[in-house]
Amino acid sequence: MKSKRRFSDRILAEVHKSMVVGIRAGMKPHRIIGIWAVVVEKRVFTRSWSMKERSWFRTFQEDPRGILTVGIRKLKIRAVHTRSERLKKAVDRAYIEKYHTPGSIKFARGLARGKRRDTTTELIPL
């Protein structure tokens, strides 16, 4: 069985220290938007605050390919929906640890609940 591709340690470190990364979901031309992302077990995860019809999360359900921008780098990615309860718990903790300021903690906690938590998505390099 072929192993999954992984981001380099340098990219993982940049994602870890960046409060916001850029993402474009799908391969159709579209602007890049800022999102929160965390690193867990040397893997990149994100969650969607909004599950609207035109959200990046819904677009990835139709076309899992996209672009991740970290600093000045633009990386081709594939989005994979995460079902593992163990990983979701680790992502919960990572969001709370990373986004702990008074202005962001309520959103980090919100991402760790209900439907938002169910949007846990791993970003894998292509």
N, C-alpha and C. Protein backbone atom coordinates (compact mmCIF):
# COMPACT_ATOMS: atom_id res chain seq x y z
N MET A 1 0.84 -1.18 0.00
CA MET A 1 0.00 0.00 0.00
C MET A 1 0.89 1.24 0.00
N LYS A 2 0.59 2.18 -0.86
CA LYS A 2 1.35 3.40 -0.98
C LYS A 2 1.03 4.33 0.19
N SER A 3 2.05 4.91 0.81
CA SER A 3 1.81 5.81 1.94
C SER A 3 1.37 7.18 1.42
N LYS A 4 0.66 7.91 2.29
CA LYS A 4 0.21 9.25 1.93
C LYS A 4 1.40 10.18 1.84
N ARG A 5 1.32 11.14 0.95
CA ARG A 5 2.33 12.18 0.87
C ARG A 5 2.21 13.08 2.08
N ARG A 6 3.29 13.66 2.49
CA ARG A 6 3.34 14.53 3.67
C ARG A 6 3.99 15.86 3.32
N PHE A 7 3.61 16.90 4.06
CA PHE A 7 4.28 18.18 3.93
C PHE A 7 5.66 18.09 4.58
N SER A 8 6.58 18.89 4.10
CA SER A 8 7.92 18.93 4.69
C SER A 8 7.84 19.53 6.10
N ASP A 9 8.86 19.26 6.88
CA ASP A 9 8.92 19.82 8.23
C ASP A 9 8.90 21.35 8.19
N ARG A 10 9.51 21.92 7.18
CA ARG A 10 9.53 23.39 7.04
C ARG A 10 8.11 23.94 6.83
N ILE A 11 7.34 23.31 5.96
CA ILE A 11 5.96 23.74 5.72
C ILE A 11 5.12 23.55 6.97
N LEU A 12 5.28 22.40 7.64
CA LEU A 12 4.53 22.15 8.87
C LEU A 12 4.83 23.22 9.92
N ALA A 13 6.08 23.61 10.04
CA ALA A 13 6.46 24.65 11.00
C ALA A 13 5.82 25.99 10.64
N GLU A 14 5.77 26.30 9.35
CA GLU A 14 5.14 27.55 8.91
C GLU A 14 3.64 27.55 9.18
N VAL A 15 2.98 26.42 8.91
CA VAL A 15 1.54 26.33 9.19
C VAL A 15 1.32 26.47 10.69
N HIS A 16 2.15 25.82 11.48
CA HIS A 16 2.02 25.86 12.94
C HIS A 16 2.14 27.29 13.47
N LYS A 17 3.07 28.06 12.95
CA LYS A 17 3.27 29.42 13.47
C LYS A 17 2.35 30.45 12.83
N SER A 18 1.78 30.16 11.66
CA SER A 18 0.90 31.11 10.98
C SER A 18 -0.50 31.09 11.58
N MET A 19 -0.99 32.25 11.93
CA MET A 19 -2.35 32.32 12.48
C MET A 19 -3.39 32.11 11.38
N VAL A 20 -3.04 32.47 10.15
CA VAL A 20 -3.95 32.32 9.01
C VAL A 20 -3.14 31.80 7.83
N VAL A 21 -3.71 30.83 7.13
CA VAL A 21 -3.14 30.36 5.87
C VAL A 21 -4.18 30.63 4.78
N GLY A 22 -3.76 30.56 3.54
CA GLY A 22 -4.69 30.78 2.43
C GLY A 22 -5.12 29.46 1.82
N ILE A 23 -6.35 29.48 1.29
CA ILE A 23 -6.87 28.26 0.66
C ILE A 23 -7.76 28.62 -0.52
N ARG A 24 -7.66 27.81 -1.56
CA ARG A 24 -8.60 27.88 -2.67
C ARG A 24 -9.12 26.46 -2.87
N ALA A 25 -10.40 26.29 -2.74
CA ALA A 25 -11.01 24.97 -2.87
C ALA A 25 -11.45 24.74 -4.31
N GLY A 26 -11.18 23.54 -4.81
CA GLY A 26 -11.55 23.20 -6.16
C GLY A 26 -10.56 23.75 -7.17
N MET A 27 -10.72 23.35 -8.41
CA MET A 27 -9.77 23.77 -9.45
C MET A 27 -10.30 24.90 -10.32
N LYS A 28 -11.53 25.33 -10.11
CA LYS A 28 -12.05 26.47 -10.87
C LYS A 28 -11.38 27.74 -10.36
N PRO A 29 -11.17 28.71 -11.24
CA PRO A 29 -10.56 29.97 -10.79
C PRO A 29 -11.41 30.61 -9.68
N HIS A 30 -10.75 30.99 -8.63
CA HIS A 30 -11.43 31.58 -7.49
C HIS A 30 -10.38 32.26 -6.64
N ARG A 31 -10.80 33.18 -5.83
CA ARG A 31 -9.84 33.88 -4.96
C ARG A 31 -9.38 32.95 -3.83
N ILE A 32 -8.27 33.28 -3.26
CA ILE A 32 -7.75 32.56 -2.10
C ILE A 32 -8.27 33.27 -0.86
N ILE A 33 -8.81 32.49 0.09
CA ILE A 33 -9.33 33.07 1.32
C ILE A 33 -8.48 32.63 2.51
N GLY A 34 -8.54 33.38 3.58
CA GLY A 34 -7.80 33.05 4.78
C GLY A 34 -8.59 32.13 5.70
N ILE A 35 -7.93 31.11 6.21
CA ILE A 35 -8.56 30.17 7.15
C ILE A 35 -7.58 29.84 8.26
N TRP A 36 -8.08 29.24 9.31
CA TRP A 36 -7.25 28.73 10.40
C TRP A 36 -6.88 27.28 10.10
N ALA A 37 -5.65 26.91 10.42
CA ALA A 37 -5.20 25.53 10.23
C ALA A 37 -4.29 25.16 11.40
N VAL A 38 -4.29 23.88 11.74
CA VAL A 38 -3.44 23.37 12.82
C VAL A 38 -2.65 22.17 12.34
N VAL A 39 -1.56 21.90 13.04
CA VAL A 39 -0.73 20.73 12.73
C VAL A 39 -0.89 19.72 13.87
N VAL A 40 -1.25 18.50 13.51
CA VAL A 40 -1.41 17.40 14.45
C VAL A 40 -0.73 16.18 13.85
N GLU A 41 0.17 15.57 14.60
CA GLU A 41 0.87 14.36 14.14
C GLU A 41 1.54 14.56 12.78
N LYS A 42 2.16 15.73 12.60
CA LYS A 42 2.84 16.08 11.36
C LYS A 42 1.90 16.08 10.16
N ARG A 43 0.64 16.43 10.40
CA ARG A 43 -0.38 16.52 9.37
C ARG A 43 -1.13 17.84 9.54
N VAL A 44 -1.65 18.39 8.46
CA VAL A 44 -2.35 19.68 8.49
C VAL A 44 -3.86 19.45 8.45
N PHE A 45 -4.55 20.09 9.41
CA PHE A 45 -6.01 19.96 9.50
C PHE A 45 -6.65 21.34 9.56
N THR A 46 -7.87 21.40 9.10
CA THR A 46 -8.64 22.62 9.18
C THR A 46 -10.11 22.27 9.40
N ARG A 47 -10.86 23.28 9.82
CA ARG A 47 -12.31 23.13 10.01
C ARG A 47 -13.00 24.35 9.45
N SER A 48 -14.24 24.17 9.04
CA SER A 48 -15.01 25.26 8.46
C SER A 48 -15.96 25.85 9.49
N TRP A 49 -15.94 27.16 9.59
CA TRP A 49 -16.88 27.85 10.48
C TRP A 49 -18.27 27.85 9.83
N SER A 50 -18.31 28.02 8.53
CA SER A 50 -19.58 28.10 7.80
C SER A 50 -19.72 26.89 6.88
N MET A 51 -20.90 26.32 6.89
CA MET A 51 -21.16 25.21 5.99
C MET A 51 -22.14 25.61 4.89
N LYS A 52 -22.09 26.88 4.53
CA LYS A 52 -22.97 27.38 3.49
C LYS A 52 -22.71 26.65 2.17
N GLU A 53 -23.68 26.74 1.30
CA GLU A 53 -23.59 26.05 0.01
C GLU A 53 -22.34 26.42 -0.77
N ARG A 54 -21.90 27.66 -0.67
CA ARG A 54 -20.74 28.10 -1.44
C ARG A 54 -19.47 28.19 -0.59
N SER A 55 -19.39 27.45 0.48
CA SER A 55 -18.20 27.47 1.35
C SER A 55 -17.07 26.63 0.75
N TRP A 56 -15.86 26.85 1.24
CA TRP A 56 -14.73 26.05 0.77
C TRP A 56 -14.94 24.58 1.14
N PHE A 57 -15.56 24.33 2.29
CA PHE A 57 -15.80 22.95 2.72
C PHE A 57 -16.70 22.22 1.73
N ARG A 58 -17.78 22.85 1.32
CA ARG A 58 -18.70 22.23 0.34
C ARG A 58 -18.03 22.05 -1.02
N THR A 59 -17.23 23.03 -1.41
CA THR A 59 -16.52 22.91 -2.69
C THR A 59 -15.59 21.71 -2.67
N PHE A 60 -14.87 21.52 -1.56
CA PHE A 60 -13.98 20.35 -1.46
C PHE A 60 -14.76 19.04 -1.52
N GLN A 61 -15.99 19.02 -1.09
CA GLN A 61 -16.78 17.79 -1.19
C GLN A 61 -17.04 17.43 -2.64
N GLU A 62 -17.14 18.43 -3.51
CA GLU A 62 -17.37 18.20 -4.94
C GLU A 62 -16.06 17.99 -5.71
N ASP A 63 -15.03 18.73 -5.33
CA ASP A 63 -13.72 18.64 -5.98
C ASP A 63 -12.66 18.78 -4.90
N PRO A 64 -12.02 17.69 -4.48
CA PRO A 64 -11.11 17.73 -3.34
C PRO A 64 -9.75 18.38 -3.62
N ARG A 65 -9.51 18.81 -4.84
CA ARG A 65 -8.23 19.44 -5.16
C ARG A 65 -8.29 20.94 -4.86
N GLY A 66 -7.14 21.52 -4.59
CA GLY A 66 -7.10 22.95 -4.33
C GLY A 66 -5.69 23.45 -4.14
N ILE A 67 -5.60 24.64 -3.56
CA ILE A 67 -4.32 25.31 -3.32
C ILE A 67 -4.27 25.74 -1.86
N LEU A 68 -3.12 25.55 -1.23
CA LEU A 68 -2.84 26.06 0.12
C LEU A 68 -1.70 27.05 -0.02
N THR A 69 -1.85 28.24 0.55
CA THR A 69 -0.75 29.19 0.57
C THR A 69 -0.27 29.35 2.00
N VAL A 70 1.04 29.24 2.15
CA VAL A 70 1.69 29.38 3.45
C VAL A 70 2.86 30.32 3.21
N GLY A 71 2.81 31.50 3.81
CA GLY A 71 3.84 32.49 3.53
C GLY A 71 3.78 32.83 2.05
N ILE A 72 4.92 32.70 1.36
CA ILE A 72 4.95 33.00 -0.08
C ILE A 72 4.77 31.75 -0.93
N ARG A 73 4.60 30.61 -0.29
CA ARG A 73 4.47 29.34 -1.02
C ARG A 73 3.02 29.05 -1.41
N LYS A 74 2.86 28.54 -2.64
CA LYS A 74 1.57 28.06 -3.11
C LYS A 74 1.71 26.57 -3.36
N LEU A 75 0.92 25.77 -2.67
CA LEU A 75 1.05 24.32 -2.74
C LEU A 75 -0.24 23.67 -3.23
N LYS A 76 -0.12 22.74 -4.15
CA LYS A 76 -1.29 21.98 -4.60
C LYS A 76 -1.64 20.97 -3.52
N ILE A 77 -2.95 20.86 -3.23
CA ILE A 77 -3.39 19.97 -2.16
C ILE A 77 -4.60 19.15 -2.57
N ARG A 78 -4.86 18.16 -1.75
CA ARG A 78 -6.09 17.37 -1.83
C ARG A 78 -6.69 17.39 -0.42
N ALA A 79 -7.99 17.59 -0.33
CA ALA A 79 -8.69 17.62 0.95
C ALA A 79 -9.32 16.26 1.22
N VAL A 80 -9.13 15.77 2.45
CA VAL A 80 -9.68 14.47 2.85
C VAL A 80 -10.47 14.67 4.13
N HIS A 81 -11.75 14.34 4.09
CA HIS A 81 -12.61 14.46 5.27
C HIS A 81 -12.15 13.46 6.34
N THR A 82 -12.04 13.93 7.57
CA THR A 82 -11.55 13.10 8.67
C THR A 82 -12.71 12.54 9.48
N ARG A 83 -12.71 11.24 9.69
CA ARG A 83 -13.77 10.60 10.48
C ARG A 83 -13.27 10.12 11.85
N SER A 84 -11.96 10.00 11.99
CA SER A 84 -11.35 9.45 13.20
C SER A 84 -11.64 10.31 14.43
N GLU A 85 -12.28 9.73 15.42
CA GLU A 85 -12.57 10.44 16.67
C GLU A 85 -11.27 10.80 17.40
N ARG A 86 -10.30 9.93 17.34
CA ARG A 86 -9.01 10.21 17.98
C ARG A 86 -8.37 11.45 17.38
N LEU A 87 -8.35 11.54 16.05
CA LEU A 87 -7.78 12.71 15.39
C LEU A 87 -8.60 13.96 15.67
N LYS A 88 -9.91 13.84 15.66
CA LYS A 88 -10.76 15.01 15.95
C LYS A 88 -10.48 15.57 17.33
N LYS A 89 -10.29 14.70 18.32
CA LYS A 89 -9.96 15.17 19.67
C LYS A 89 -8.62 15.89 19.68
N ALA A 90 -7.65 15.36 18.96
CA ALA A 90 -6.34 16.00 18.88
C ALA A 90 -6.44 17.36 18.18
N VAL A 91 -7.26 17.44 17.15
CA VAL A 91 -7.47 18.71 16.45
C VAL A 91 -8.18 19.71 17.37
N ASP A 92 -9.16 19.23 18.16
CA ASP A 92 -9.81 20.10 19.15
C ASP A 92 -8.76 20.78 20.02
N ARG A 93 -7.87 19.98 20.59
CA ARG A 93 -6.83 20.49 21.49
C ARG A 93 -5.89 21.45 20.76
N ALA A 94 -5.54 21.12 19.53
CA ALA A 94 -4.62 21.96 18.76
C ALA A 94 -5.23 23.34 18.49
N TYR A 95 -6.52 23.39 18.18
CA TYR A 95 -7.19 24.68 17.96
C TYR A 95 -7.19 25.52 19.24
N ILE A 96 -7.51 24.91 20.37
CA ILE A 96 -7.56 25.64 21.64
C ILE A 96 -6.17 26.15 22.03
N GLU A 97 -5.14 25.34 21.81
CA GLU A 97 -3.78 25.75 22.13
C GLU A 97 -3.28 26.87 21.23
N LYS A 98 -3.58 26.79 19.94
CA LYS A 98 -3.05 27.76 18.98
C LYS A 98 -3.84 29.07 19.01
N TYR A 99 -5.14 28.99 19.07
CA TYR A 99 -5.99 30.17 18.99
C TYR A 99 -6.58 30.48 20.37
N HIS A 100 -5.73 30.92 21.29
CA HIS A 100 -6.12 31.08 22.69
C HIS A 100 -6.27 32.53 23.14
N THR A 101 -6.10 33.48 22.23
CA THR A 101 -6.22 34.88 22.63
C THR A 101 -7.66 35.21 22.98
N PRO A 102 -7.88 36.28 23.76
CA PRO A 102 -9.26 36.63 24.13
C PRO A 102 -10.19 36.80 22.93
N GLY A 103 -9.67 37.32 21.82
CA GLY A 103 -10.50 37.53 20.64
C GLY A 103 -10.79 36.28 19.82
N SER A 104 -9.96 35.25 19.99
CA SER A 104 -10.13 34.07 19.14
C SER A 104 -10.60 32.82 19.88
N ILE A 105 -10.47 32.77 21.19
CA ILE A 105 -10.77 31.53 21.93
C ILE A 105 -12.22 31.07 21.75
N LYS A 106 -13.17 32.01 21.69
CA LYS A 106 -14.56 31.58 21.53
C LYS A 106 -14.78 30.90 20.17
N PHE A 107 -14.04 31.36 19.16
CA PHE A 107 -14.16 30.73 17.85
C PHE A 107 -13.47 29.36 17.84
N ALA A 108 -12.33 29.27 18.50
CA ALA A 108 -11.62 27.98 18.60
C ALA A 108 -12.51 26.96 19.31
N ARG A 109 -13.15 27.38 20.39
CA ARG A 109 -14.07 26.47 21.09
C ARG A 109 -15.26 26.11 20.21
N GLY A 110 -15.76 27.06 19.44
CA GLY A 110 -16.88 26.80 18.53
C GLY A 110 -16.52 25.79 17.45
N LEU A 111 -15.27 25.83 17.00
CA LEU A 111 -14.82 24.86 15.99
C LEU A 111 -14.70 23.45 16.55
N ALA A 112 -14.70 23.33 17.87
CA ALA A 112 -14.55 22.02 18.51
C ALA A 112 -15.90 21.41 18.90
N ARG A 113 -16.98 21.96 18.34
CA ARG A 113 -18.32 21.46 18.69
C ARG A 113 -19.16 21.17 17.45
N GLY A 114 -20.04 20.20 17.61
CA GLY A 114 -21.12 19.93 16.66
C GLY A 114 -20.73 19.84 15.20
N LYS A 115 -21.52 20.52 14.37
CA LYS A 115 -21.34 20.43 12.92
C LYS A 115 -20.01 20.99 12.46
N ARG A 116 -19.51 22.01 13.14
CA ARG A 116 -18.20 22.56 12.75
C ARG A 116 -17.10 21.53 12.98
N ARG A 117 -17.18 20.83 14.07
CA ARG A 117 -16.19 19.77 14.37
C ARG A 117 -16.25 18.69 13.31
N ASP A 118 -17.46 18.42 12.82
CA ASP A 118 -17.64 17.38 11.80
C ASP A 118 -17.05 17.76 10.45
N THR A 119 -16.61 19.02 10.29
CA THR A 119 -15.99 19.42 9.03
C THR A 119 -14.47 19.20 9.04
N THR A 120 -13.94 18.53 10.04
CA THR A 120 -12.50 18.32 10.14
C THR A 120 -11.97 17.74 8.83
N THR A 121 -11.01 18.45 8.25
CA THR A 121 -10.48 18.11 6.94
C THR A 121 -8.96 18.12 6.98
N GLU A 122 -8.37 17.04 6.46
CA GLU A 122 -6.91 17.00 6.34
C GLU A 122 -6.53 17.50 4.96
N LEU A 123 -5.48 18.32 4.93
CA LEU A 123 -4.95 18.82 3.67
C LEU A 123 -3.66 18.06 3.37
N ILE A 124 -3.62 17.41 2.21
CA ILE A 124 -2.51 16.56 1.82
C ILE A 124 -1.87 17.13 0.56
N PRO A 125 -0.55 17.23 0.51
CA PRO A 125 0.10 17.75 -0.69
C PRO A 125 -0.06 16.80 -1.88
N LEU A 126 -0.19 17.40 -3.05
CA LEU A 126 -0.24 16.61 -4.29
C LEU A 126 1.12 16.59 -4.95
